[in-house]
Amino acid sequence: MTMPEATSNSVTLLVGPGQLPISSRVWGTGGWLFPEEREALDWLTLCRLLGWEVRIQRADEPTPPRESAASSCIVVACDPDALSDDYLAWLEAQLAKSPVLVIMRAATSQKTLSDLCTEAQAAPVTGRALLWRGPGAEQKWHCRKPLAARPLRLTDDHHIWATLDGAPISVARRFRCGVIVALGFHPSEARDSDGAASALLQQLLISGSHVPAAWFDWRNTMVLRMDDPGGAQNVHSQSWSHRKLSEADWQAIGIELSRRNAKLSLAYIAGWVDDGDTARGKLLLNGSDVGERVAGAIYDSPLVVYDDLRGHAPGTRHDYTAEYRGIQKLSRAGLSEVELHGYTHMHPDTKQWADSGDRYQSVNWFRELGRDAARYLDSRDPGSHPLAQALARFKKYFAVKPTTLVAPGEAFDEAAQIKALDLGVELFGSYYLGIRYDNRFCWTQHVCSPYLNEPDGAWLDSGLPIVGYFHDRDLALNGIEWLSSALDRWQELGVERLIDYRELAASATRTLQVQERDGSLRIVVRSVGRRDLPRPKNILLSGPKYSCATVVIDGIEVAATIEWDDNDIGHLRWSDRELPDK
């Protein structure tokens, strides 16, 4: 029987009981999970950030499949000692039929040790100097915090691939047609300890396979995000009172972005909620008096001007129409894109809010997708869901379909995530990041969101993107200089690319595949989600040093050159002029 050829940039995850349940449309919670709860999820999302296809094989199924699609890499994303004899035999069969790379934690049982894996020594080592000695160029990382691992026992047929302060913590051995790599540490625990551990895992995936690899380059990349434009909470919330940014402010933001070649995601709120109190403030809609005020009524934010008479800031004009014009100018200049920040950023029962005695004081009224709101939403027609309402306004006023939902106040439940999936959202932004894959949100703790005015170079050590977020309130209170100063400090620490969620989604919704045929190289970039997103260009290569390649992006062929750096990494370059408009 002819065995299937291993596909480059594809990973099979062997997952343990209870991991990545088929019945769930959300893997992870959006909050912190302990390493043992998320080992498979961490591997899955790391591979997806690289742009690699991921297949799931469940180690708790009664018997392994007789035949399965071949992958260039198999990751045992569970305790290898818990694998049944059938699955150990399945792994041996994969190694016998193709030059696959198998990655697993070091085992301790003799059953596993007999053929597949090496043993971890009992005494751990703690260090800061990580060194890659495996295939490809040597790489060094210095951990900012001590990293713990268990040195691995060596035999004559083992090759050291990585060391920690000189102790072997990753070793490889040939087995049949493939290679087995053992790790002397739990990959999720190491990721939590220091970003350099994530960089090491990427190096292992990229350089350890026998096939050429392509991946998305996220080094020194920050997604820049501003929350709250469009919302009424700055008018109603006593603890969050501030003025709106003026059109001149938005122009200054544009200048700041332009000089840094940066893009900004604006987590926009399209629905403005009225308290109905004519004594407290005057409401204009599309330049005219709104007439009879209705407590709890929702108006389209781009049409609103509100004059504070007796509220939190008497004498202040909140001009949302000027804000809208400023945002549109940024968008036309290619400097920003709007994303979903709920619909109103307020409890969806706006009439109940307006009738409440603590409507201006309680923060709970300014959470739209949390548990309290869910009880109300469950009783409503699905078509009236806040996210559906918001998308309709985005289409009307911005002619764009957002890629990302940023939950107001980071309060959300699984129902909100499923609704976002059904509406075609690709990313879910919170402190961590939900990535859409196979019609699910897969939460990754690899991508975190430090506040923009708290710069720290440690966030960049993983080689993966981070999200630097802030609020329009920061600039309203502190001026545009606040933004300039924060970005200066991040760039001094190493940030080189300032992108928006749309560019992140463009890569997260595609897979990369390398094809070598007749002495030529093809890089195939396929969509696994929306095709209306920008075409990614942050692609790196390893393998034979071709000088050029054909890149096929969503079926469109372009010619690319390849520039190789001192670390034997190829950088793809092509002209946008070769790509037709989407």
Protein backbone atom coordinates (compact mmCIF):
# COMPACT_ATOMS: atom_id res chain seq x y z
CA MET A 1 0.00 0.00 0.00
CA THR A 2 1.26 3.47 -0.88
CA MET A 3 1.55 5.63 2.22
CA PRO A 4 0.43 9.29 2.10
CA GLU A 5 3.23 11.79 1.71
CA ALA A 6 3.81 13.99 4.73
CA THR A 7 2.39 17.49 4.27
CA SER A 8 4.67 20.35 5.18
CA ASN A 9 3.55 22.75 7.90
CA SER A 10 0.98 20.31 9.24
CA VAL A 11 0.84 19.03 12.80
CA THR A 12 -1.12 16.17 14.33
CA LEU A 13 -1.89 16.73 18.01
CA LEU A 14 -2.32 13.60 20.10
CA VAL A 15 -4.53 14.85 22.93
CA GLY A 16 -5.48 13.22 26.20
CA PRO A 17 -8.86 12.62 27.89
CA GLY A 18 -11.01 15.70 28.35
CA GLN A 19 -8.83 17.91 26.15
CA LEU A 20 -10.37 19.84 23.23
CA PRO A 21 -13.85 18.24 23.43
CA ILE A 22 -15.51 17.75 20.07
CA SER A 23 -18.90 18.92 21.35
CA SER A 24 -17.64 22.33 22.43
CA ARG A 25 -17.43 25.37 20.15
CA VAL A 26 -15.10 27.13 22.57
CA TRP A 27 -11.78 25.62 23.64
CA GLY A 28 -10.49 27.46 26.67
CA THR A 29 -12.34 30.08 28.66
CA GLY A 30 -10.67 33.39 27.88
CA GLY A 31 -9.26 33.37 31.40
CA TRP A 32 -6.28 31.74 33.05
CA LEU A 33 -6.00 27.95 32.79
CA PHE A 34 -3.46 25.81 34.61
CA PRO A 35 -0.77 24.25 32.38
CA GLU A 36 -2.16 20.72 32.71
CA GLU A 37 -5.54 21.99 31.50
CA ARG A 38 -4.25 23.62 28.35
CA GLU A 39 -1.23 21.70 27.06
CA ALA A 40 -3.01 20.65 23.88
CA LEU A 41 -4.62 24.08 23.46
CA ASP A 42 -1.25 25.82 23.80
CA TRP A 43 0.24 23.61 21.09
CA LEU A 44 -2.80 24.10 18.84
CA THR A 45 -2.78 27.89 19.06
CA LEU A 46 0.99 28.13 18.73
CA CYS A 47 0.80 26.16 15.49
CA ARG A 48 -2.07 28.29 14.22
CA LEU A 49 -0.17 31.49 14.93
CA LEU A 50 2.63 30.05 12.79
CA GLY A 51 0.07 29.42 10.05
CA TRP A 52 0.18 25.63 10.23
CA GLU A 53 -2.66 23.21 9.72
CA VAL A 54 -3.59 21.25 12.85
CA ARG A 55 -5.25 17.83 13.02
CA ILE A 56 -6.57 16.35 16.24
CA GLN A 57 -6.06 12.72 17.19
CA ARG A 58 -7.62 11.66 20.49
CA ALA A 59 -5.61 9.28 22.65
CA ASP A 60 -8.71 8.28 24.61
CA GLU A 61 -10.45 6.81 21.58
CA PRO A 62 -10.64 3.02 21.89
CA THR A 63 -8.32 2.32 18.98
CA PRO A 64 -6.19 4.51 16.74
CA PRO A 65 -7.17 4.93 13.08
CA ARG A 66 -5.63 2.42 10.71
CA GLU A 67 -4.84 5.16 8.24
CA SER A 68 -4.65 8.90 8.75
CA ALA A 69 -3.51 11.90 6.81
CA ALA A 70 0.25 12.25 7.10
CA SER A 71 1.70 15.24 8.95
CA SER A 72 5.25 16.50 9.04
CA CYS A 73 5.03 16.61 12.86
CA ILE A 74 3.18 14.76 15.62
CA VAL A 75 3.00 16.41 19.04
CA VAL A 76 2.08 14.20 21.98
CA ALA A 77 0.18 16.92 23.84
CA CYS A 78 -0.44 14.83 26.93
CA ASP A 79 1.45 12.64 29.41
CA PRO A 80 3.28 10.05 27.26
CA ASP A 81 3.21 7.58 30.17
CA ALA A 82 -0.59 7.49 29.86
CA LEU A 83 -0.57 6.31 26.24
CA SER A 84 -2.02 2.88 25.67
CA ASP A 85 -0.07 0.12 23.94
CA ASP A 86 -2.26 0.67 20.88
CA TYR A 87 -1.26 4.32 20.65
CA LEU A 88 2.39 3.57 21.19
CA ALA A 89 2.11 1.13 18.30
CA TRP A 90 0.32 3.80 16.25
CA LEU A 91 3.18 6.24 16.87
CA GLU A 92 5.72 3.61 15.82
CA ALA A 93 3.69 3.00 12.64
CA GLN A 94 3.77 6.73 11.79
CA LEU A 95 7.53 6.78 12.29
CA ALA A 96 7.91 3.69 10.14
CA LYS A 97 6.03 5.02 7.12
CA SER A 98 7.29 8.63 6.82
CA PRO A 99 10.09 10.90 8.11
CA VAL A 100 7.84 12.46 10.73
CA LEU A 101 9.02 14.50 13.70
CA VAL A 102 7.48 13.34 17.00
CA ILE A 103 7.64 15.70 19.99
CA MET A 104 6.76 14.58 23.51
CA ARG A 105 7.55 15.23 27.12
CA ALA A 106 10.17 12.88 28.53
CA ALA A 107 8.56 9.71 29.83
CA THR A 108 9.25 7.81 33.02
CA SER A 109 7.64 4.42 32.42
CA GLN A 110 9.61 1.54 30.95
CA LYS A 111 6.76 0.81 28.59
CA THR A 112 7.27 4.12 26.84
CA LEU A 113 11.01 4.20 27.29
CA SER A 114 11.56 0.87 25.63
CA ASP A 115 11.22 2.20 22.13
CA LEU A 116 10.13 5.79 21.94
CA CYS A 117 11.43 8.18 24.52
CA THR A 118 14.24 9.00 26.85
CA GLU A 119 14.12 9.43 30.62
CA ALA A 120 14.20 12.62 32.65
CA GLN A 121 16.54 12.68 35.59
CA ALA A 122 15.07 13.16 39.03
CA ALA A 123 17.06 16.24 40.02
CA PRO A 124 15.85 19.36 38.20
CA VAL A 125 18.04 22.15 36.89
CA THR A 126 17.22 25.85 37.06
CA GLY A 127 18.86 28.32 34.72
CA ARG A 128 18.57 31.29 32.41
CA ALA A 129 20.75 30.44 29.40
CA LEU A 130 18.79 28.61 26.69
CA LEU A 131 20.76 27.29 23.72
CA TRP A 132 19.46 25.65 20.55
CA ARG A 133 21.95 23.11 19.18
CA GLY A 134 19.60 21.26 16.86
CA PRO A 135 19.14 21.55 13.08
CA GLY A 136 19.75 24.95 11.54
CA ALA A 137 21.63 27.89 12.96
CA GLU A 138 22.51 28.03 16.64
CA GLN A 139 20.15 30.21 18.69
CA LYS A 140 20.62 31.67 22.15
CA TRP A 141 18.10 33.17 24.56
CA HIS A 142 18.56 34.64 28.02
CA CYS A 143 15.59 34.02 30.30
CA ARG A 144 14.61 37.02 32.39
CA LYS A 145 13.30 34.65 35.05
CA PRO A 146 14.80 31.30 36.09
CA LEU A 147 13.49 28.39 34.02
CA ALA A 148 13.18 24.93 35.56
CA ALA A 149 13.63 21.65 33.67
CA ARG A 150 14.77 18.09 34.25
CA PRO A 151 17.96 17.11 32.41
CA LEU A 152 17.57 14.14 30.08
CA ARG A 153 19.60 10.94 30.22
CA LEU A 154 21.64 10.33 27.09
CA THR A 155 22.68 7.23 25.19
CA ASP A 156 24.95 6.93 22.18
CA ASP A 157 22.09 7.44 19.72
CA HIS A 158 20.79 10.64 21.30
CA HIS A 159 21.58 14.10 19.95
CA ILE A 160 21.28 17.18 22.14
CA TRP A 161 19.00 19.77 20.57
CA ALA A 162 18.61 22.26 23.44
CA THR A 163 20.32 22.99 26.74
CA LEU A 164 19.56 25.05 29.83
CA ASP A 165 22.74 26.33 31.47
CA GLY A 166 24.52 23.48 29.67
CA ALA A 167 22.17 20.70 30.82
CA PRO A 168 20.39 18.76 28.03
CA ILE A 169 16.65 19.54 28.18
CA SER A 170 15.72 18.51 24.62
CA VAL A 171 17.26 15.51 22.92
CA ALA A 172 16.51 13.71 19.66
CA ARG A 173 17.03 10.23 18.32
CA ARG A 174 16.30 8.66 14.99
CA PHE A 175 13.65 5.96 14.94
CA ARG A 176 12.76 4.11 11.73
CA CYS A 177 12.11 6.87 9.15
CA GLY A 178 11.56 9.68 11.61
CA VAL A 179 12.92 11.52 14.61
CA ILE A 180 11.68 11.55 18.22
CA VAL A 181 12.37 14.61 20.36
CA ALA A 182 11.95 14.51 24.13
CA LEU A 183 11.45 17.57 26.32
CA GLY A 184 12.66 17.75 29.89
CA PHE A 185 9.98 20.31 30.79
CA HIS A 186 6.24 20.81 30.53
CA PRO A 187 5.84 23.18 27.56
CA SER A 188 2.94 25.13 29.08
CA GLU A 189 4.70 25.55 32.43
CA ALA A 190 7.81 26.77 30.61
CA ARG A 191 5.74 29.23 28.59
CA ASP A 192 4.41 30.68 31.84
CA SER A 193 7.93 31.03 33.26
CA ASP A 194 9.58 32.94 30.43
CA GLY A 195 8.84 33.98 26.87
CA ALA A 196 12.12 32.46 25.69
CA ALA A 197 10.56 29.02 26.23
CA SER A 198 7.91 29.81 23.60
CA ALA A 199 10.65 30.94 21.23
CA LEU A 200 12.42 27.61 21.80
CA LEU A 201 9.25 25.63 21.02
CA GLN A 202 8.84 27.54 17.77
CA GLN A 203 12.44 26.78 16.87
CA LEU A 204 11.80 23.10 17.52
CA LEU A 205 8.72 23.02 15.30
CA ILE A 206 10.35 24.98 12.49
CA SER A 207 13.83 23.45 12.41
CA GLY A 208 13.13 19.96 13.68
CA SER A 209 11.12 18.72 10.72
CA HIS A 210 12.71 17.11 7.68
CA VAL A 211 10.68 19.28 5.28
CA PRO A 212 11.11 22.96 4.34
CA ALA A 213 8.95 25.18 6.52
CA ALA A 214 7.11 28.48 6.11
CA TRP A 215 5.63 30.45 8.98
CA PHE A 216 4.26 33.83 9.90
CA ASP A 217 6.77 36.16 11.52
CA TRP A 218 5.42 37.81 14.69
CA ARG A 219 8.67 38.96 16.23
CA ASN A 220 8.49 42.42 17.81
CA THR A 221 4.89 42.89 16.71
CA MET A 222 2.22 44.74 18.65
CA VAL A 223 -1.47 44.99 17.82
CA LEU A 224 -2.48 48.53 18.75
CA ARG A 225 -6.00 48.86 20.17
CA MET A 226 -8.07 51.77 21.49
CA ASP A 227 -11.31 50.98 23.33
CA ASP A 228 -14.53 52.96 23.76
CA PRO A 229 -15.00 55.44 20.87
CA GLY A 230 -18.74 55.84 20.25
CA GLY A 231 -19.93 54.84 23.70
CA ALA A 232 -22.15 56.76 26.12
CA GLN A 233 -20.41 55.54 29.29
CA ASN A 234 -18.21 58.65 29.37
CA VAL A 235 -21.43 60.68 29.75
CA HIS A 236 -23.30 58.42 32.18
CA SER A 237 -20.69 56.66 34.32
CA GLN A 238 -19.57 58.79 37.24
CA SER A 239 -16.25 56.96 37.55
CA TRP A 240 -15.53 57.11 33.79
CA SER A 241 -16.48 60.68 32.95
CA HIS A 242 -14.41 62.41 30.30
CA ARG A 243 -14.77 64.51 27.19
CA LYS A 244 -14.86 63.13 23.66
CA LEU A 245 -11.80 63.47 21.46
CA SER A 246 -12.10 66.31 18.98
CA GLU A 247 -11.57 66.14 15.25
CA ALA A 248 -8.20 67.84 15.80
CA ASP A 249 -7.31 65.12 18.33
CA TRP A 250 -8.03 62.44 15.76
CA GLN A 251 -5.91 64.27 13.23
CA ALA A 252 -3.03 64.33 15.73
CA ILE A 253 -3.50 60.59 16.32
CA GLY A 254 -3.24 60.07 12.58
CA ILE A 255 0.02 62.01 12.42
CA GLU A 256 1.39 59.90 15.28
CA LEU A 257 0.41 56.66 13.54
CA SER A 258 1.67 57.76 10.16
CA ARG A 259 5.16 58.64 11.34
CA ARG A 260 5.48 55.17 12.86
CA ASN A 261 3.96 53.31 9.88
CA ALA A 262 1.38 52.05 12.40
CA LYS A 263 -2.24 50.95 12.25
CA LEU A 264 -4.77 51.19 15.05
CA SER A 265 -7.78 49.01 15.86
CA LEU A 266 -10.65 51.07 17.25
CA ALA A 267 -12.97 49.00 19.44
CA TYR A 268 -16.02 51.08 18.52
CA ILE A 269 -19.45 51.27 20.15
CA ALA A 270 -22.13 51.93 17.53
CA GLY A 271 -25.14 52.40 19.86
CA TRP A 272 -25.56 55.43 22.15
CA VAL A 273 -27.96 55.03 25.10
CA ASP A 274 -30.09 57.95 26.30
CA ASP A 275 -31.11 58.38 29.94
CA GLY A 276 -34.07 60.51 28.84
CA ASP A 277 -33.26 63.26 31.36
CA THR A 278 -33.78 66.64 29.65
CA ALA A 279 -32.61 68.54 32.73
CA ARG A 280 -29.33 66.65 32.83
CA GLY A 281 -28.38 67.18 29.20
CA LYS A 282 -29.48 68.15 25.71
CA LEU A 283 -29.41 65.60 22.90
CA LEU A 284 -29.01 66.45 19.22
CA LEU A 285 -29.43 63.80 16.56
CA ASN A 286 -28.04 64.42 13.10
CA GLY A 287 -27.79 68.13 13.93
CA SER A 288 -31.38 68.53 15.18
CA ASP A 289 -33.09 68.38 18.56
CA VAL A 290 -34.20 64.80 19.08
CA GLY A 291 -37.59 65.90 20.31
CA GLU A 292 -39.28 63.76 22.93
CA ARG A 293 -36.64 61.97 24.98
CA VAL A 294 -37.19 58.29 25.83
CA ALA A 295 -35.27 56.75 28.73
CA GLY A 296 -33.29 53.78 27.46
CA ALA A 297 -33.60 54.68 23.78
CA ILE A 298 -30.61 53.73 21.60
CA TYR A 299 -29.36 56.01 18.84
CA ASP A 300 -26.65 55.51 16.24
CA SER A 301 -23.47 56.94 17.75
CA PRO A 302 -22.23 58.69 14.58
CA LEU A 303 -25.32 60.96 14.70
CA VAL A 304 -25.13 62.05 18.35
CA VAL A 305 -24.13 65.37 19.91
CA TYR A 306 -24.79 65.65 23.65
CA ASP A 307 -24.47 68.81 25.73
CA ASP A 308 -23.95 68.16 29.44
CA LEU A 309 -26.10 70.57 31.47
CA ARG A 310 -26.20 69.09 34.97
CA GLY A 311 -24.37 65.79 34.62
CA HIS A 312 -20.83 64.82 35.57
CA ALA A 313 -19.24 67.57 33.45
CA PRO A 314 -21.61 70.54 33.03
CA GLY A 315 -20.76 72.71 30.05
CA THR A 316 -19.08 69.91 28.12
CA ARG A 317 -20.15 69.11 24.58
CA HIS A 318 -19.71 65.45 23.61
CA ASP A 319 -19.56 65.53 19.82
CA TYR A 320 -19.78 61.99 18.47
CA THR A 321 -20.30 63.26 14.93
CA ALA A 322 -16.88 64.92 15.02
CA GLU A 323 -15.45 61.71 16.45
CA TYR A 324 -17.01 59.77 13.56
CA ARG A 325 -15.54 62.16 10.98
CA GLY A 326 -12.12 61.86 12.59
CA ILE A 327 -12.29 58.07 12.57
CA GLN A 328 -13.40 58.02 8.93
CA LYS A 329 -10.43 60.17 7.95
CA LEU A 330 -8.06 57.76 9.70
CA SER A 331 -9.69 54.83 7.93
CA ARG A 332 -9.45 56.46 4.50
CA ALA A 333 -5.76 57.15 5.16
CA GLY A 334 -5.24 53.44 5.90
CA LEU A 335 -4.30 54.13 9.52
CA SER A 336 -7.14 52.47 11.41
CA GLU A 337 -10.00 49.99 11.25
CA VAL A 338 -13.04 49.72 13.49
CA GLU A 339 -13.78 46.56 15.45
CA LEU A 340 -16.70 45.49 17.65
CA HIS A 341 -16.83 46.65 21.27
CA GLY A 342 -20.32 45.30 21.81
CA TYR A 343 -23.25 47.43 20.70
CA THR A 344 -23.75 49.92 23.57
CA HIS A 345 -21.21 48.83 26.25
CA MET A 346 -24.21 48.92 28.60
CA HIS A 347 -26.62 46.36 30.01
CA PRO A 348 -28.88 45.29 27.11
CA ASP A 349 -32.03 46.06 29.16
CA THR A 350 -31.53 49.78 28.77
CA LYS A 351 -34.97 50.60 30.18
CA GLN A 352 -34.09 48.79 33.42
CA TRP A 353 -30.84 50.74 33.53
CA ALA A 354 -32.61 54.07 33.05
CA ASP A 355 -35.08 53.26 35.86
CA SER A 356 -32.36 52.21 38.30
CA GLY A 357 -31.33 54.41 41.19
CA ASP A 358 -27.64 53.58 40.74
CA ARG A 359 -27.59 53.94 36.96
CA TYR A 360 -24.72 56.43 37.06
CA GLN A 361 -22.69 54.80 39.82
CA SER A 362 -22.72 51.00 39.42
CA VAL A 363 -20.11 49.65 37.00
CA ASN A 364 -22.28 46.56 36.45
CA TRP A 365 -24.66 48.59 34.29
CA PHE A 366 -21.80 49.18 31.85
CA ARG A 367 -21.27 45.50 30.98
CA GLU A 368 -23.14 44.21 27.94
CA LEU A 369 -22.15 40.54 27.45
CA GLY A 370 -21.54 39.26 30.98
CA ARG A 371 -23.57 36.84 33.08
CA ASP A 372 -26.10 39.44 34.27
CA ALA A 373 -26.78 40.51 30.72
CA ALA A 374 -27.01 36.89 29.52
CA ARG A 375 -30.16 36.24 31.55
CA TYR A 376 -31.87 39.10 29.74
CA LEU A 377 -30.53 38.16 26.31
CA ASP A 378 -31.77 34.58 26.67
CA SER A 379 -35.34 35.89 26.71
CA ARG A 380 -34.99 38.01 23.58
CA ASP A 381 -35.35 37.31 19.87
CA PRO A 382 -31.92 36.24 18.53
CA GLY A 383 -32.21 38.82 15.77
CA SER A 384 -32.20 41.61 18.34
CA HIS A 385 -28.95 40.47 19.93
CA PRO A 386 -26.60 43.42 20.58
CA LEU A 387 -23.89 41.99 18.33
CA ALA A 388 -26.32 41.61 15.41
CA GLN A 389 -27.48 45.20 15.96
CA ALA A 390 -23.89 46.42 16.06
CA LEU A 391 -22.94 44.67 12.82
CA ALA A 392 -25.85 46.31 11.03
CA ARG A 393 -24.58 49.75 12.12
CA PHE A 394 -21.02 48.93 11.12
CA LYS A 395 -22.24 48.05 7.65
CA LYS A 396 -24.27 51.26 7.41
CA TYR A 397 -21.70 53.73 8.71
CA PHE A 398 -18.34 52.11 7.98
CA ALA A 399 -19.11 49.69 5.11
CA VAL A 400 -16.94 47.08 6.81
CA LYS A 401 -17.42 43.77 8.59
CA PRO A 402 -15.34 43.70 11.76
CA THR A 403 -12.90 40.86 12.34
CA THR A 404 -12.73 41.08 16.12
CA LEU A 405 -15.01 41.37 19.13
CA VAL A 406 -13.55 43.07 22.20
CA ALA A 407 -15.97 42.34 25.03
CA PRO A 408 -16.98 45.47 27.01
CA GLY A 409 -15.25 45.38 30.37
CA GLU A 410 -13.84 41.95 29.46
CA ALA A 411 -17.14 40.47 30.70
CA PHE A 412 -18.50 37.67 28.52
CA ASP A 413 -19.78 34.12 28.61
CA GLU A 414 -19.72 31.17 26.23
CA ALA A 415 -23.05 32.18 24.67
CA ALA A 416 -21.56 35.52 23.61
CA GLN A 417 -18.65 33.71 21.99
CA ILE A 418 -20.92 31.34 20.10
CA LYS A 419 -23.02 34.26 18.90
CA ALA A 420 -19.86 35.97 17.65
CA LEU A 421 -18.86 32.78 15.82
CA ASP A 422 -22.29 32.55 14.19
CA LEU A 423 -21.95 36.16 13.04
CA GLY A 424 -18.59 35.47 11.40
CA VAL A 425 -16.20 37.08 13.91
CA GLU A 426 -12.62 35.80 13.51
CA LEU A 427 -10.93 36.92 16.75
CA PHE A 428 -12.13 37.49 20.30
CA GLY A 429 -10.07 40.08 22.16
CA SER A 430 -9.70 40.04 25.93
CA TYR A 431 -6.55 39.88 28.06
CA TYR A 432 -5.87 36.72 26.05
CA LEU A 433 -6.90 36.06 22.44
CA GLY A 434 -9.54 33.78 20.99
CA ILE A 435 -8.62 32.55 17.49
CA ARG A 436 -11.29 31.11 15.22
CA TYR A 437 -10.36 27.70 13.84
CA ASP A 438 -12.64 24.93 12.61
CA ASN A 439 -15.69 27.05 13.56
CA ARG A 440 -14.50 27.36 17.18
CA PHE A 441 -12.80 29.93 19.30
CA CYS A 442 -9.50 28.52 20.52
CA TRP A 443 -8.12 30.63 23.36
CA THR A 444 -4.40 31.21 23.46
CA GLN A 445 -2.41 32.34 26.45
CA HIS A 446 0.52 32.92 24.09
CA VAL A 447 -0.97 36.32 23.14
CA CYS A 448 -1.44 38.74 26.04
CA SER A 449 -2.62 42.34 26.28
CA PRO A 450 -0.46 44.58 28.47
CA TYR A 451 -1.72 48.12 28.98
CA LEU A 452 -0.03 50.51 26.60
CA ASN A 453 1.53 52.73 29.27
CA GLU A 454 3.17 49.75 31.03
CA PRO A 455 5.98 48.85 28.60
CA ASP A 456 8.14 45.83 29.35
CA GLY A 457 10.50 44.12 26.92
CA ALA A 458 9.73 40.72 28.46
CA TRP A 459 6.49 40.63 26.47
CA LEU A 460 8.52 40.45 23.24
CA ASP A 461 10.74 37.51 24.22
CA SER A 462 8.33 34.86 22.93
CA GLY A 463 8.53 36.04 19.33
CA LEU A 464 4.72 36.12 19.27
CA PRO A 465 2.41 39.14 18.94
CA ILE A 466 1.13 41.15 21.87
CA VAL A 467 -1.82 43.54 22.08
CA GLY A 468 -1.12 46.99 23.50
CA TYR A 469 -4.48 48.43 24.50
CA PHE A 470 -5.71 51.71 25.92
CA HIS A 471 -8.87 53.82 26.02
CA ASP A 472 -9.89 57.05 24.38
CA ARG A 473 -10.19 58.31 27.96
CA ASP A 474 -6.39 58.15 28.33
CA LEU A 475 -5.95 60.68 25.54
CA ALA A 476 -8.90 62.82 26.62
CA LEU A 477 -7.36 63.24 30.08
CA ASN A 478 -3.65 63.24 29.22
CA GLY A 479 -3.40 64.48 25.64
CA ILE A 480 -1.98 62.83 22.54
CA GLU A 481 1.46 63.09 24.17
CA TRP A 482 0.40 60.14 26.35
CA LEU A 483 0.17 57.97 23.24
CA SER A 484 3.41 59.29 21.78
CA SER A 485 5.35 58.67 24.99
CA ALA A 486 3.99 55.15 25.43
CA LEU A 487 4.80 54.17 21.84
CA ASP A 488 8.28 55.68 22.12
CA ARG A 489 9.01 53.48 25.12
CA TRP A 490 7.70 50.33 23.47
CA GLN A 491 9.73 50.96 20.34
CA GLU A 492 12.84 51.59 22.42
CA LEU A 493 12.27 48.14 23.95
CA GLY A 494 12.09 46.51 20.53
CA VAL A 495 8.63 46.83 19.01
CA GLU A 496 9.11 47.13 15.25
CA ARG A 497 5.63 46.57 13.80
CA LEU A 498 2.44 48.24 15.00
CA ILE A 499 -0.50 46.51 13.34
CA ASP A 500 -4.26 46.20 13.82
CA TYR A 501 -6.48 43.21 14.50
CA ARG A 502 -7.39 42.99 10.83
CA GLU A 503 -3.80 42.22 9.88
CA LEU A 504 -3.54 39.69 12.71
CA ALA A 505 -6.75 38.03 11.53
CA ALA A 506 -5.43 37.94 7.96
CA SER A 507 -2.72 35.52 9.06
CA ALA A 508 -4.72 33.68 11.73
CA THR A 509 -7.33 32.73 9.11
CA ARG A 510 -4.82 31.25 6.66
CA THR A 511 -2.52 28.26 6.43
CA LEU A 512 0.88 27.99 4.77
CA GLN A 513 2.21 25.06 2.78
CA VAL A 514 5.58 24.60 1.08
CA GLN A 515 5.85 22.60 -2.13
CA GLU A 516 9.13 21.64 -3.81
CA ARG A 517 8.70 20.43 -7.38
CA ASP A 518 11.15 20.11 -10.25
CA GLY A 519 13.71 22.36 -8.63
CA SER A 520 11.27 25.17 -7.88
CA LEU A 521 9.51 26.37 -4.75
CA ARG A 522 5.83 27.19 -4.23
CA ILE A 523 4.34 28.71 -1.10
CA VAL A 524 0.60 28.11 -0.95
CA VAL A 525 -1.40 30.43 1.31
CA ARG A 526 -4.96 29.20 1.83
CA SER A 527 -7.88 30.78 3.66
CA VAL A 528 -9.54 28.82 6.44
CA GLY A 529 -11.84 31.74 7.20
CA ARG A 530 -12.76 34.98 5.47
CA ARG A 531 -11.12 35.83 2.16
CA ASP A 532 -11.83 39.58 2.29
CA LEU A 533 -8.91 40.30 4.63
CA PRO A 534 -5.52 41.77 3.72
CA ARG A 535 -3.08 39.31 2.23
CA PRO A 536 -0.32 38.48 4.71
CA LYS A 537 3.27 39.33 3.85
CA ASN A 538 5.09 38.49 7.08
CA ILE A 539 6.20 35.05 5.83
CA LEU A 540 9.52 33.39 6.67
CA LEU A 541 11.13 30.24 5.26
CA SER A 542 13.64 27.59 6.25
CA GLY A 543 15.16 24.85 4.13
CA PRO A 544 16.98 24.89 0.78
CA LYS A 545 18.14 28.39 -0.13
CA TYR A 546 16.06 29.20 -3.18
CA SER A 547 16.43 32.72 -4.50
CA CYS A 548 12.82 32.98 -5.66
CA ALA A 549 9.45 31.31 -5.24
CA THR A 550 5.93 31.35 -6.54
CA VAL A 551 3.47 32.42 -3.87
CA VAL A 552 -0.14 31.32 -4.35
CA ILE A 553 -2.42 33.44 -2.17
CA ASP A 554 -6.04 32.33 -2.20
CA GLY A 555 -5.52 30.98 -5.71
CA ILE A 556 -3.67 34.05 -7.06
CA GLU A 557 -0.05 33.49 -8.14
CA VAL A 558 2.65 36.11 -7.61
CA ALA A 559 6.40 35.94 -8.09
CA ALA A 560 8.48 36.51 -4.97
CA THR A 561 12.14 36.87 -4.19
CA ILE A 562 13.73 35.37 -1.08
CA GLU A 563 16.29 37.23 1.03
CA TRP A 564 18.29 35.01 3.40
CA ASP A 565 19.65 36.36 6.68
CA ASP A 566 22.61 35.22 8.79
CA ASN A 567 20.43 32.72 10.66
CA ASP A 568 19.52 30.90 7.44
CA ILE A 569 15.98 32.30 7.51
CA GLY A 570 14.41 33.35 4.23
CA HIS A 571 12.23 36.46 3.97
CA LEU A 572 9.63 36.47 1.19
CA ARG A 573 9.30 39.71 -0.79
CA TRP A 574 6.78 40.59 -3.48
CA SER A 575 5.06 43.67 -4.85
CA ASP A 576 1.46 44.55 -4.01
CA ARG A 577 1.07 45.66 -7.59
CA GLU A 578 1.09 42.02 -8.64
CA LEU A 579 -2.05 41.30 -6.60
CA PRO A 580 -5.46 42.28 -7.96
CA ASP A 581 -7.86 44.11 -5.68
CA LYS A 582 -9.95 41.90 -3.44
